[in-house]
Amino acid sequence: TTAEDPEGRPTVLEYVPKTPRVFPCGRLDAETMGLIIL
């Protein structure tokens, strides 16, 4: 749940439209699934 990941893992921003630009509210660790608000 970050905009970029130095390890090259996919980020939540890849799953939503690129415009308008959004950001995640809060975080979930990589292994936890479920609701993220962007």
All heavy atoms as atom14 arrays in JSON, in Angstrom:
{
  "sequence": "TTAEDPEGRPTVLEYVPKTPRVFPCGRLDAETMGLIIL",
  "atom14_mask": [
    [1, 1, 1, 1, 1, 1, 1, 0, 0, 0, 0, 0, 0, 0],
    [1, 1, 1, 1, 1, 1, 1, 0, 0, 0, 0, 0, 0, 0],
    [1, 1, 1, 1, 1, 0, 0, 0, 0, 0, 0, 0, 0, 0],
    [1, 1, 1, 1, 1, 1, 1, 1, 1, 0, 0, 0, 0, 0],
    [1, 1, 1, 1, 1, 1, 1, 1, 0, 0, 0, 0, 0, 0],
    [1, 1, 1, 1, 1, 1, 1, 0, 0, 0, 0, 0, 0, 0],
    [1, 1, 1, 1, 1, 1, 1, 1, 1, 0, 0, 0, 0, 0],
    [1, 1, 1, 1, 0, 0, 0, 0, 0, 0, 0, 0, 0, 0],
    [1, 1, 1, 1, 1, 1, 1, 1, 1, 1, 1, 0, 0, 0],
    [1, 1, 1, 1, 1, 1, 1, 0, 0, 0, 0, 0, 0, 0],
    [1, 1, 1, 1, 1, 1, 1, 0, 0, 0, 0, 0, 0, 0],
    [1, 1, 1, 1, 1, 1, 1, 0, 0, 0, 0, 0, 0, 0],
    [1, 1, 1, 1, 1, 1, 1, 1, 0, 0, 0, 0, 0, 0],
    [1, 1, 1, 1, 1, 1, 1, 1, 1, 0, 0, 0, 0, 0],
    [1, 1, 1, 1, 1, 1, 1, 1, 1, 1, 1, 1, 0, 0],
    [1, 1, 1, 1, 1, 1, 1, 0, 0, 0, 0, 0, 0, 0],
    [1, 1, 1, 1, 1, 1, 1, 0, 0, 0, 0, 0, 0, 0],
    [1, 1, 1, 1, 1, 1, 1, 1, 1, 0, 0, 0, 0, 0],
    [1, 1, 1, 1, 1, 1, 1, 0, 0, 0, 0, 0, 0, 0],
    [1, 1, 1, 1, 1, 1, 1, 0, 0, 0, 0, 0, 0, 0],
    [1, 1, 1, 1, 1, 1, 1, 1, 1, 1, 1, 0, 0, 0],
    [1, 1, 1, 1, 1, 1, 1, 0, 0, 0, 0, 0, 0, 0],
    [1, 1, 1, 1, 1, 1, 1, 1, 1, 1, 1, 0, 0, 0],
    [1, 1, 1, 1, 1, 1, 1, 0, 0, 0, 0, 0, 0, 0],
    [1, 1, 1, 1, 1, 1, 0, 0, 0, 0, 0, 0, 0, 0],
    [1, 1, 1, 1, 0, 0, 0, 0, 0, 0, 0, 0, 0, 0],
    [1, 1, 1, 1, 1, 1, 1, 1, 1, 1, 1, 0, 0, 0],
    [1, 1, 1, 1, 1, 1, 1, 1, 0, 0, 0, 0, 0, 0],
    [1, 1, 1, 1, 1, 1, 1, 1, 0, 0, 0, 0, 0, 0],
    [1, 1, 1, 1, 1, 0, 0, 0, 0, 0, 0, 0, 0, 0],
    [1, 1, 1, 1, 1, 1, 1, 1, 1, 0, 0, 0, 0, 0],
    [1, 1, 1, 1, 1, 1, 1, 0, 0, 0, 0, 0, 0, 0],
    [1, 1, 1, 1, 1, 1, 1, 1, 0, 0, 0, 0, 0, 0],
    [1, 1, 1, 1, 0, 0, 0, 0, 0, 0, 0, 0, 0, 0],
    [1, 1, 1, 1, 1, 1, 1, 1, 0, 0, 0, 0, 0, 0],
    [1, 1, 1, 1, 1, 1, 1, 1, 0, 0, 0, 0, 0, 0],
    [1, 1, 1, 1, 1, 1, 1, 1, 0, 0, 0, 0, 0, 0],
    [1, 1, 1, 1, 1, 1, 1, 1, 0, 0, 0, 0, 0, 0]
  ],
  "atom14_positions": [
    [[0.83, -1.21, 0.0], [0.0, 0.0, 0.0], [0.86, 1.25, 0.0], [0.69, 2.15, 0.83], [-0.96, 0.01, 1.2], [-0.2, -0.23, 2.4], [-2.01, -1.06, 1.06], [0.0, 0.0, 0.0], [0.0, 0.0, 0.0], [0.0, 0.0, 0.0], [0.0, 0.0, 0.0], [0.0, 0.0, 0.0], [0.0, 0.0, 0.0], [0.0, 0.0, 0.0]],
    [[1.81, 1.31, -0.92], [2.62, 2.5, -1.13], [2.57, 2.87, -2.6], [2.14, 2.06, -3.44], [4.09, 2.26, -0.71], [4.59, 1.11, -1.42], [4.2, 2.02, 0.78], [0.0, 0.0, 0.0], [0.0, 0.0, 0.0], [0.0, 0.0, 0.0], [0.0, 0.0, 0.0], [0.0, 0.0, 0.0], [0.0, 0.0, 0.0], [0.0, 0.0, 0.0]],
    [[3.01, 4.07, -2.92], [2.99, 4.5, -4.32], [4.04, 3.76, -5.13], [3.81, 3.44, -6.3], [3.22, 6.01, -4.4], [0.0, 0.0, 0.0], [0.0, 0.0, 0.0], [0.0, 0.0, 0.0], [0.0, 0.0, 0.0], [0.0, 0.0, 0.0], [0.0, 0.0, 0.0], [0.0, 0.0, 0.0], [0.0, 0.0, 0.0], [0.0, 0.0, 0.0]],
    [[5.18, 3.49, -4.52], [6.26, 2.76, -5.19], [6.85, 1.77, -4.21], [6.77, 1.95, -2.99], [7.34, 3.72, -5.67], [6.87, 4.73, -6.7], [7.98, 5.69, -7.11], [9.07, 5.62, -6.51], [7.75, 6.49, -8.02], [0.0, 0.0, 0.0], [0.0, 0.0, 0.0], [0.0, 0.0, 0.0], [0.0, 0.0, 0.0], [0.0, 0.0, 0.0]],
    [[7.48, 0.72, -4.73], [8.11, -0.27, -3.86], [9.51, -0.58, -4.37], [9.66, -1.01, -5.52], [7.27, -1.55, -3.81], [7.9, -2.59, -2.88], [8.03, -2.28, -1.68], [8.26, -3.68, -3.36], [0.0, 0.0, 0.0], [0.0, 0.0, 0.0], [0.0, 0.0, 0.0], [0.0, 0.0, 0.0], [0.0, 0.0, 0.0], [0.0, 0.0, 0.0]],
    [[10.54, -0.36, -3.53], [11.91, -0.62, -3.96], [12.18, -2.08, -4.29], [13.11, -2.4, -5.02], [12.76, -0.14, -2.78], [11.83, -0.14, -1.6], [10.49, 0.18, -2.16], [0.0, 0.0, 0.0], [0.0, 0.0, 0.0], [0.0, 0.0, 0.0], [0.0, 0.0, 0.0], [0.0, 0.0, 0.0], [0.0, 0.0, 0.0], [0.0, 0.0, 0.0]],
    [[11.34, -2.98, -3.77], [11.51, -4.41, -4.05], [10.79, -4.84, -5.32], [10.84, -6.02, -5.7], [11.01, -5.23, -2.86], [11.76, -4.97, -1.56], [11.22, -5.78, -0.41], [10.63, -6.86, -0.67], [11.36, -5.34, 0.75], [0.0, 0.0, 0.0], [0.0, 0.0, 0.0], [0.0, 0.0, 0.0], [0.0, 0.0, 0.0], [0.0, 0.0, 0.0]],
    [[10.1, -3.9, -5.95], [9.44, -4.22, -7.2], [8.11, -4.94, -7.08], [7.58, -5.47, -8.06], [0.0, 0.0, 0.0], [0.0, 0.0, 0.0], [0.0, 0.0, 0.0], [0.0, 0.0, 0.0], [0.0, 0.0, 0.0], [0.0, 0.0, 0.0], [0.0, 0.0, 0.0], [0.0, 0.0, 0.0], [0.0, 0.0, 0.0], [0.0, 0.0, 0.0]],
    [[7.56, -4.97, -5.86], [6.27, -5.63, -5.69], [5.14, -4.74, -6.25], [5.28, -3.52, -6.32], [6.02, -5.9, -4.2], [6.97, -6.91, -3.59], [6.8, -6.98, -2.08], [7.21, -5.73, -1.44], [7.2, -5.52, -0.12], [6.78, -6.49, 0.68], [7.59, -4.36, 0.37], [0.0, 0.0, 0.0], [0.0, 0.0, 0.0], [0.0, 0.0, 0.0]],
    [[4.03, -5.34, -6.66], [2.92, -4.52, -7.15], [2.35, -3.64, -6.03], [2.38, -4.02, -4.86], [1.89, -5.57, -7.6], [2.23, -6.81, -6.85], [3.73, -6.78, -6.67], [0.0, 0.0, 0.0], [0.0, 0.0, 0.0], [0.0, 0.0, 0.0], [0.0, 0.0, 0.0], [0.0, 0.0, 0.0], [0.0, 0.0, 0.0], [0.0, 0.0, 0.0]],
    [[1.85, -2.47, -6.41], [1.28, -1.55, -5.44], [-0.22, -1.37, -5.71], [-0.7, -1.68, -6.81], [1.95, -0.16, -5.51], [1.48, 0.54, -6.67], [3.47, -0.29, -5.57], [0.0, 0.0, 0.0], [0.0, 0.0, 0.0], [0.0, 0.0, 0.0], [0.0, 0.0, 0.0], [0.0, 0.0, 0.0], [0.0, 0.0, 0.0], [0.0, 0.0, 0.0]],
    [[-0.93, -0.86, -4.73], [-2.38, -0.69, -4.86], [-2.74, 0.28, -5.98], [-3.83, 0.18, -6.57], [-3.0, -0.21, -3.53], [-2.96, -1.31, -2.49], [-2.33, 1.06, -3.02], [0.0, 0.0, 0.0], [0.0, 0.0, 0.0], [0.0, 0.0, 0.0], [0.0, 0.0, 0.0], [0.0, 0.0, 0.0], [0.0, 0.0, 0.0], [0.0, 0.0, 0.0]],
    [[-1.82, 1.21, -6.31], [-2.13, 2.19, -7.36], [-2.23, 1.55, -8.74], [-2.82, 2.13, -9.65], [-1.05, 3.29, -7.38], [-0.97, 4.17, -6.13], [0.06, 5.27, -6.34], [-2.33, 4.77, -5.79], [0.0, 0.0, 0.0], [0.0, 0.0, 0.0], [0.0, 0.0, 0.0], [0.0, 0.0, 0.0], [0.0, 0.0, 0.0], [0.0, 0.0, 0.0]],
    [[-1.7, 0.34, -8.88], [-1.77, -0.35, -10.16], [-3.16, -0.94, -10.42], [-3.44, -1.39, -11.53], [-0.72, -1.46, -10.22], [0.71, -0.94, -10.13], [1.73, -2.05, -10.05], [1.44, -3.17, -10.54], [2.82, -1.82, -9.48], [0.0, 0.0, 0.0], [0.0, 0.0, 0.0], [0.0, 0.0, 0.0], [0.0, 0.0, 0.0], [0.0, 0.0, 0.0]],
    [[-4.04, -0.92, -9.41], [-5.36, -1.55, -9.54], [-6.49, -0.55, -9.72], [-7.65, -0.96, -9.82], [-5.63, -2.41, -8.3], [-4.75, -3.64, -8.23], [-3.47, -3.58, -7.7], [-5.2, -4.87, -8.71], [-2.66, -4.7, -7.63], [-4.41, -6.0, -8.66], [-3.13, -5.9, -8.12], [-2.32, -7.01, -8.06], [0.0, 0.0, 0.0], [0.0, 0.0, 0.0]],
    [[-6.17, 0.75, -9.73], [-7.2, 1.78, -9.87], [-6.8, 2.72, -11.02], [-5.65, 2.72, -11.45], [-7.39, 2.57, -8.56], [-7.9, 1.66, -7.46], [-6.09, 3.26, -8.13], [0.0, 0.0, 0.0], [0.0, 0.0, 0.0], [0.0, 0.0, 0.0], [0.0, 0.0, 0.0], [0.0, 0.0, 0.0], [0.0, 0.0, 0.0], [0.0, 0.0, 0.0]],
    [[-7.73, 3.53, -11.52], [-7.39, 4.46, -12.62], [-6.23, 5.38, -12.26], [-6.07, 5.77, -11.1], [-8.69, 5.24, -12.81], [-9.77, 4.32, -12.34], [-9.17, 3.57, -11.19], [0.0, 0.0, 0.0], [0.0, 0.0, 0.0], [0.0, 0.0, 0.0], [0.0, 0.0, 0.0], [0.0, 0.0, 0.0], [0.0, 0.0, 0.0], [0.0, 0.0, 0.0]],
    [[-5.45, 5.75, -13.27], [-4.28, 6.6, -13.04], [-4.67, 8.06, -12.86], [-3.92, 8.86, -12.29], [-3.29, 6.45, -14.19], [-2.72, 5.04, -14.31], [-1.61, 4.98, -15.36], [-1.08, 3.56, -15.5], [-0.57, 3.02, -14.24], [0.0, 0.0, 0.0], [0.0, 0.0, 0.0], [0.0, 0.0, 0.0], [0.0, 0.0, 0.0], [0.0, 0.0, 0.0]],
    [[-5.83, 8.46, -13.39], [-6.31, 9.83, -13.23], [-7.78, 9.79, -12.81], [-8.54, 8.96, -13.31], [-6.18, 10.63, -14.54], [-6.86, 9.95, -15.6], [-4.71, 10.82, -14.9], [0.0, 0.0, 0.0], [0.0, 0.0, 0.0], [0.0, 0.0, 0.0], [0.0, 0.0, 0.0], [0.0, 0.0, 0.0], [0.0, 0.0, 0.0], [0.0, 0.0, 0.0]],
    [[-8.18, 10.66, -11.88], [-7.31, 11.57, -11.15], [-6.39, 10.8, -10.2], [-6.7, 9.68, -9.79], [-8.29, 12.46, -10.37], [-9.49, 11.6, -10.18], [-9.59, 10.78, -11.42], [0.0, 0.0, 0.0], [0.0, 0.0, 0.0], [0.0, 0.0, 0.0], [0.0, 0.0, 0.0], [0.0, 0.0, 0.0], [0.0, 0.0, 0.0], [0.0, 0.0, 0.0]],
    [[-5.27, 11.42, -9.85], [-4.3, 10.76, -8.99], [-4.87, 10.59, -7.58], [-5.45, 11.52, -7.03], [-3.01, 11.57, -8.93], [-1.9, 10.92, -8.13], [-0.63, 11.72, -8.22], [0.43, 11.11, -7.43], [1.64, 11.62, -7.32], [1.94, 12.74, -7.96], [2.55, 11.03, -6.59], [0.0, 0.0, 0.0], [0.0, 0.0, 0.0], [0.0, 0.0, 0.0]],
    [[-4.74, 9.4, -7.03], [-5.25, 9.11, -5.68], [-4.12, 8.54, -4.83], [-3.04, 8.22, -5.34], [-6.43, 8.11, -5.72], [-7.63, 8.71, -6.43], [-6.01, 6.8, -6.38], [0.0, 0.0, 0.0], [0.0, 0.0, 0.0], [0.0, 0.0, 0.0], [0.0, 0.0, 0.0], [0.0, 0.0, 0.0], [0.0, 0.0, 0.0], [0.0, 0.0, 0.0]],
    [[-4.38, 8.41, -3.56], [-3.41, 7.83, -2.64], [-4.15, 6.98, -1.62], [-5.34, 7.21, -1.34], [-2.58, 8.92, -1.93], [-3.4, 10.04, -1.38], [-3.96, 9.96, -0.12], [-3.62, 11.19, -2.12], [-4.73, 10.98, 0.4], [-4.39, 12.23, -1.61], [-4.94, 12.12, -0.34], [0.0, 0.0, 0.0], [0.0, 0.0, 0.0], [0.0, 0.0, 0.0]],
    [[-3.49, 5.97, -1.05], [-4.16, 5.1, -0.08], [-4.29, 5.77, 1.28], [-3.39, 6.48, 1.73], [-3.23, 3.88, 0.0], [-1.89, 4.39, -0.4], [-2.13, 5.5, -1.39], [0.0, 0.0, 0.0], [0.0, 0.0, 0.0], [0.0, 0.0, 0.0], [0.0, 0.0, 0.0], [0.0, 0.0, 0.0], [0.0, 0.0, 0.0], [0.0, 0.0, 0.0]],
    [[-5.42, 5.53, 1.93], [-5.64, 6.02, 3.29], [-5.26, 4.9, 4.26], [-6.01, 3.91, 4.39], [-7.1, 6.42, 3.5], [-7.61, 7.81, 2.48], [0.0, 0.0, 0.0], [0.0, 0.0, 0.0], [0.0, 0.0, 0.0], [0.0, 0.0, 0.0], [0.0, 0.0, 0.0], [0.0, 0.0, 0.0], [0.0, 0.0, 0.0], [0.0, 0.0, 0.0]],
    [[-4.14, 5.04, 4.91], [-3.68, 4.0, 5.81], [-3.01, 2.88, 5.04], [-2.82, 2.95, 3.82], [0.0, 0.0, 0.0], [0.0, 0.0, 0.0], [0.0, 0.0, 0.0], [0.0, 0.0, 0.0], [0.0, 0.0, 0.0], [0.0, 0.0, 0.0], [0.0, 0.0, 0.0], [0.0, 0.0, 0.0], [0.0, 0.0, 0.0], [0.0, 0.0, 0.0]],
    [[-2.65, 1.82, 5.79], [-1.9, 0.74, 5.17], [-2.4, -0.62, 5.63], [-2.99, -0.74, 6.69], [-0.41, 0.85, 5.51], [0.29, 2.05, 4.89], [1.79, 1.98, 5.11], [2.47, 3.08, 4.46], [3.79, 3.19, 4.37], [4.57, 2.26, 4.91], [4.34, 4.22, 3.75], [0.0, 0.0, 0.0], [0.0, 0.0, 0.0], [0.0, 0.0, 0.0]],
    [[-2.13, -1.6, 4.8], [-2.21, -3.01, 5.17], [-0.87, -3.62, 4.81], [-0.27, -3.26, 3.79], [-3.31, -3.74, 4.39], [-4.77, -3.41, 4.73], [-5.69, -4.19, 3.8], [-5.09, -3.73, 6.17], [0.0, 0.0, 0.0], [0.0, 0.0, 0.0], [0.0, 0.0, 0.0], [0.0, 0.0, 0.0], [0.0, 0.0, 0.0], [0.0, 0.0, 0.0]],
    [[-0.39, -4.55, 5.64], [0.87, -5.19, 5.28], [0.66, -6.05, 4.04], [-0.47, -6.36, 3.65], [1.43, -6.01, 6.45], [0.53, -7.18, 6.83], [0.45, -8.13, 6.05], [-0.08, -7.12, 7.92], [0.0, 0.0, 0.0], [0.0, 0.0, 0.0], [0.0, 0.0, 0.0], [0.0, 0.0, 0.0], [0.0, 0.0, 0.0], [0.0, 0.0, 0.0]],
    [[1.75, -6.42, 3.4], [1.67, -7.1, 2.11], [0.86, -8.39, 2.16], [0.14, -8.73, 1.22], [3.08, -7.38, 1.57], [0.0, 0.0, 0.0], [0.0, 0.0, 0.0], [0.0, 0.0, 0.0], [0.0, 0.0, 0.0], [0.0, 0.0, 0.0], [0.0, 0.0, 0.0], [0.0, 0.0, 0.0], [0.0, 0.0, 0.0], [0.0, 0.0, 0.0]],
    [[0.94, -9.12, 3.27], [0.26, -10.41, 3.37], [-1.21, -10.29, 3.75], [-1.96, -11.25, 3.62], [0.99, -11.3, 4.38], [2.36, -11.76, 3.92], [2.29, -12.49, 2.58], [1.57, -13.49, 2.5], [2.95, -12.04, 1.62], [0.0, 0.0, 0.0], [0.0, 0.0, 0.0], [0.0, 0.0, 0.0], [0.0, 0.0, 0.0], [0.0, 0.0, 0.0]],
    [[-1.62, -9.12, 4.25], [-3.02, -8.92, 4.62], [-3.82, -8.46, 3.41], [-3.39, -7.59, 2.65], [-3.15, -7.9, 5.75], [-2.44, -8.38, 6.89], [-4.61, -7.68, 6.13], [0.0, 0.0, 0.0], [0.0, 0.0, 0.0], [0.0, 0.0, 0.0], [0.0, 0.0, 0.0], [0.0, 0.0, 0.0], [0.0, 0.0, 0.0], [0.0, 0.0, 0.0]],
    [[-4.98, -9.04, 3.23], [-5.83, -8.73, 2.08], [-6.98, -7.82, 2.52], [-7.16, -7.53, 3.7], [-6.37, -10.03, 1.48], [-5.28, -10.97, 1.01], [-5.86, -12.65, 0.65], [-6.1, -13.28, 2.31], [0.0, 0.0, 0.0], [0.0, 0.0, 0.0], [0.0, 0.0, 0.0], [0.0, 0.0, 0.0], [0.0, 0.0, 0.0], [0.0, 0.0, 0.0]],
    [[-7.75, -7.39, 1.53], [-8.99, -6.71, 1.87], [-9.03, -5.23, 1.58], [-8.31, -4.72, 0.72], [0.0, 0.0, 0.0], [0.0, 0.0, 0.0], [0.0, 0.0, 0.0], [0.0, 0.0, 0.0], [0.0, 0.0, 0.0], [0.0, 0.0, 0.0], [0.0, 0.0, 0.0], [0.0, 0.0, 0.0], [0.0, 0.0, 0.0], [0.0, 0.0, 0.0]],
    [[-9.88, -4.55, 2.32], [-10.3, -3.19, 2.0], [-9.2, -2.16, 2.18], [-8.66, -1.98, 3.27], [-11.5, -2.82, 2.88], [-12.08, -1.41, 2.67], [-12.57, -1.24, 1.24], [-13.21, -1.16, 3.66], [0.0, 0.0, 0.0], [0.0, 0.0, 0.0], [0.0, 0.0, 0.0], [0.0, 0.0, 0.0], [0.0, 0.0, 0.0], [0.0, 0.0, 0.0]],
    [[-8.89, -1.47, 1.08], [-8.05, -0.29, 1.09], [-8.85, 0.84, 0.45], [-9.47, 0.65, -0.61], [-6.73, -0.5, 0.31], [-5.75, -1.28, 1.16], [-6.1, 0.81, -0.11], [-5.11, -0.49, 2.29], [0.0, 0.0, 0.0], [0.0, 0.0, 0.0], [0.0, 0.0, 0.0], [0.0, 0.0, 0.0], [0.0, 0.0, 0.0], [0.0, 0.0, 0.0]],
    [[-8.85, 1.99, 1.08], [-9.54, 3.16, 0.54], [-8.51, 4.05, -0.14], [-7.51, 4.43, 0.47], [-10.28, 3.93, 1.65], [-11.33, 3.03, 2.3], [-10.93, 5.2, 1.1], [-11.9, 3.58, 3.59], [0.0, 0.0, 0.0], [0.0, 0.0, 0.0], [0.0, 0.0, 0.0], [0.0, 0.0, 0.0], [0.0, 0.0, 0.0], [0.0, 0.0, 0.0]],
    [[-8.75, 4.38, -1.4], [-7.89, 5.29, -2.15], [-8.71, 6.49, -2.58], [-9.85, 6.34, -3.04], [-7.28, 4.61, -3.37], [-6.39, 3.4, -3.07], [-7.14, 2.11, -3.37], [-5.1, 3.45, -3.86], [0.0, 0.0, 0.0], [0.0, 0.0, 0.0], [0.0, 0.0, 0.0], [0.0, 0.0, 0.0], [0.0, 0.0, 0.0], [0.0, 0.0, 0.0]]
  ]
}
